[in-house]
Amino acid sequence: MKTDICTLDAATFANLQDWFGKTETLSDDIAAAPPRGLSATLVRDDAAPVPGTALPPLWH
């Protein structure tokens, strides 16, 4: 079995260190069809999504 070793140069590592302890949160509006389709695929009886409705956990 081959093992690949990944290395980072100092500049890349320094750039990544700038992110330690920080978070980024994004939000977006989506059409109702994808969550309705996933709900049907999972045989769930969810209410129809309306604008502002958050997706269930792990539906990202």
N, C-alpha and C. Protein backbone atom coordinates (compact mmCIF):
# COMPACT_ATOMS: atom_id res chain seq x y z
N MET A 1 0.83 -1.17 0.00
CA MET A 1 0.00 0.00 0.00
C MET A 1 0.89 1.24 0.00
N LYS A 2 0.54 2.21 -0.84
CA LYS A 2 1.32 3.44 -0.95
C LYS A 2 0.75 4.48 0.01
N THR A 3 1.62 5.14 0.74
CA THR A 3 1.20 6.20 1.64
C THR A 3 1.73 7.52 1.10
N ASP A 4 0.81 8.44 0.84
CA ASP A 4 1.20 9.76 0.37
C ASP A 4 1.43 10.67 1.58
N ILE A 5 2.53 11.38 1.56
CA ILE A 5 2.83 12.32 2.62
C ILE A 5 2.62 13.73 2.07
N CYS A 6 1.80 14.48 2.76
CA CYS A 6 1.49 15.84 2.35
C CYS A 6 2.33 16.81 3.17
N THR A 7 3.02 17.72 2.52
CA THR A 7 3.81 18.70 3.23
C THR A 7 3.32 20.10 2.89
N LEU A 8 3.52 21.02 3.80
CA LEU A 8 3.14 22.41 3.60
C LEU A 8 4.39 23.28 3.69
N ASP A 9 4.45 24.27 2.83
CA ASP A 9 5.56 25.20 2.97
C ASP A 9 5.24 26.18 4.10
N ALA A 10 6.22 26.92 4.57
CA ALA A 10 6.05 27.80 5.72
C ALA A 10 4.99 28.88 5.48
N ALA A 11 4.94 29.43 4.29
CA ALA A 11 3.96 30.49 4.00
C ALA A 11 2.53 29.95 4.06
N THR A 12 2.31 28.76 3.51
CA THR A 12 0.97 28.15 3.55
C THR A 12 0.58 27.83 4.98
N PHE A 13 1.52 27.29 5.74
CA PHE A 13 1.24 26.96 7.14
C PHE A 13 0.92 28.21 7.94
N ALA A 14 1.65 29.28 7.71
CA ALA A 14 1.39 30.54 8.41
C ALA A 14 0.00 31.07 8.07
N ASN A 15 -0.40 30.95 6.80
CA ASN A 15 -1.73 31.39 6.39
C ASN A 15 -2.81 30.56 7.09
N LEU A 16 -2.58 29.27 7.20
CA LEU A 16 -3.57 28.41 7.88
C LEU A 16 -3.64 28.74 9.36
N GLN A 17 -2.51 29.08 9.97
CA GLN A 17 -2.51 29.42 11.40
C GLN A 17 -3.36 30.65 11.68
N ASP A 18 -3.49 31.54 10.72
CA ASP A 18 -4.33 32.72 10.90
C ASP A 18 -5.79 32.34 11.14
N TRP A 19 -6.20 31.14 10.71
CA TRP A 19 -7.58 30.69 10.86
C TRP A 19 -7.83 30.00 12.20
N PHE A 20 -6.81 29.62 12.93
CA PHE A 20 -7.00 28.93 14.21
C PHE A 20 -7.84 29.78 15.14
N GLY A 21 -8.89 29.19 15.72
CA GLY A 21 -9.76 29.88 16.65
C GLY A 21 -10.83 30.74 16.00
N LYS A 22 -10.88 30.78 14.69
CA LYS A 22 -11.88 31.57 13.99
C LYS A 22 -12.94 30.67 13.39
N THR A 23 -14.09 31.23 13.11
CA THR A 23 -15.16 30.49 12.43
C THR A 23 -15.70 31.35 11.29
N GLU A 24 -16.38 30.68 10.39
CA GLU A 24 -17.04 31.37 9.28
C GLU A 24 -18.42 30.77 9.15
N THR A 25 -19.43 31.62 9.08
CA THR A 25 -20.81 31.18 8.94
C THR A 25 -21.38 31.80 7.67
N LEU A 26 -21.98 30.96 6.85
CA LEU A 26 -22.59 31.42 5.61
C LEU A 26 -24.06 31.05 5.62
N SER A 27 -24.86 31.84 4.95
CA SER A 27 -26.28 31.50 4.79
C SER A 27 -26.67 31.80 3.35
N ASP A 28 -27.71 31.12 2.92
CA ASP A 28 -28.15 31.27 1.54
C ASP A 28 -29.62 30.90 1.46
N ASP A 29 -30.29 31.43 0.48
CA ASP A 29 -31.68 31.05 0.22
C ASP A 29 -31.69 29.99 -0.88
N ILE A 30 -32.50 28.97 -0.70
CA ILE A 30 -32.62 27.92 -1.72
C ILE A 30 -34.08 27.77 -2.11
N ALA A 31 -34.31 27.18 -3.24
CA ALA A 31 -35.67 26.89 -3.68
C ALA A 31 -36.27 25.77 -2.82
N ALA A 32 -37.57 25.68 -2.79
CA ALA A 32 -38.25 24.68 -1.96
C ALA A 32 -38.12 23.27 -2.52
N ALA A 33 -37.87 23.14 -3.81
CA ALA A 33 -37.87 21.80 -4.44
C ALA A 33 -36.82 20.85 -3.86
N PRO A 34 -35.56 21.24 -3.67
CA PRO A 34 -34.59 20.27 -3.14
C PRO A 34 -34.95 19.71 -1.76
N PRO A 35 -35.32 20.55 -0.77
CA PRO A 35 -35.69 19.94 0.51
C PRO A 35 -36.98 19.11 0.43
N ARG A 36 -37.91 19.53 -0.42
CA ARG A 36 -39.13 18.71 -0.58
C ARG A 36 -38.78 17.36 -1.20
N GLY A 37 -37.87 17.36 -2.17
CA GLY A 37 -37.46 16.11 -2.80
C GLY A 37 -36.73 15.19 -1.83
N LEU A 38 -35.84 15.77 -1.01
CA LEU A 38 -35.12 14.94 -0.04
C LEU A 38 -36.08 14.40 1.01
N SER A 39 -37.02 15.22 1.43
CA SER A 39 -38.03 14.76 2.38
C SER A 39 -38.81 13.58 1.82
N ALA A 40 -39.19 13.67 0.56
CA ALA A 40 -39.92 12.56 -0.08
C ALA A 40 -39.03 11.33 -0.21
N THR A 41 -37.77 11.53 -0.57
CA THR A 41 -36.83 10.41 -0.71
C THR A 41 -36.66 9.66 0.61
N LEU A 42 -36.63 10.43 1.71
CA LEU A 42 -36.45 9.82 3.03
C LEU A 42 -37.77 9.39 3.66
N VAL A 43 -38.85 9.48 2.89
CA VAL A 43 -40.21 9.11 3.33
C VAL A 43 -40.53 9.81 4.65
N ARG A 44 -40.31 11.14 4.65
CA ARG A 44 -40.64 11.96 5.81
C ARG A 44 -41.90 12.75 5.49
N ASP A 45 -42.66 13.07 6.50
CA ASP A 45 -43.89 13.85 6.32
C ASP A 45 -43.66 15.26 6.84
N ASP A 46 -42.68 15.96 6.26
CA ASP A 46 -42.36 17.31 6.68
C ASP A 46 -43.35 18.31 6.10
N ALA A 47 -43.56 19.39 6.82
CA ALA A 47 -44.39 20.48 6.30
C ALA A 47 -43.67 21.12 5.12
N ALA A 48 -44.43 21.70 4.22
CA ALA A 48 -43.83 22.37 3.07
C ALA A 48 -42.96 23.52 3.57
N PRO A 49 -41.74 23.64 3.05
CA PRO A 49 -40.87 24.72 3.50
C PRO A 49 -41.37 26.08 3.02
N VAL A 50 -41.21 27.06 3.87
CA VAL A 50 -41.56 28.45 3.53
C VAL A 50 -40.30 29.29 3.67
N PRO A 51 -40.24 30.44 3.04
CA PRO A 51 -39.04 31.27 3.17
C PRO A 51 -38.66 31.51 4.63
N GLY A 52 -37.39 31.32 4.92
CA GLY A 52 -36.90 31.50 6.28
C GLY A 52 -36.84 30.23 7.10
N THR A 53 -37.41 29.14 6.58
CA THR A 53 -37.37 27.87 7.29
C THR A 53 -35.95 27.30 7.22
N ALA A 54 -35.41 26.92 8.36
CA ALA A 54 -34.08 26.32 8.39
C ALA A 54 -34.18 24.86 7.97
N LEU A 55 -33.14 24.37 7.32
CA LEU A 55 -33.10 22.95 6.95
C LEU A 55 -32.87 22.11 8.20
N PRO A 56 -33.36 20.88 8.21
CA PRO A 56 -33.06 19.99 9.34
C PRO A 56 -31.54 19.74 9.42
N PRO A 57 -31.05 19.34 10.57
CA PRO A 57 -29.62 19.07 10.73
C PRO A 57 -29.12 18.08 9.68
N LEU A 58 -27.95 18.34 9.17
CA LEU A 58 -27.21 17.51 8.21
C LEU A 58 -27.82 17.51 6.80
N TRP A 59 -28.73 18.41 6.50
CA TRP A 59 -29.30 18.52 5.16
C TRP A 59 -28.53 19.53 4.30
N HIS A 60 -27.29 19.80 4.65
CA HIS A 60 -26.50 20.80 3.93
C HIS A 60 -25.99 20.30 2.63
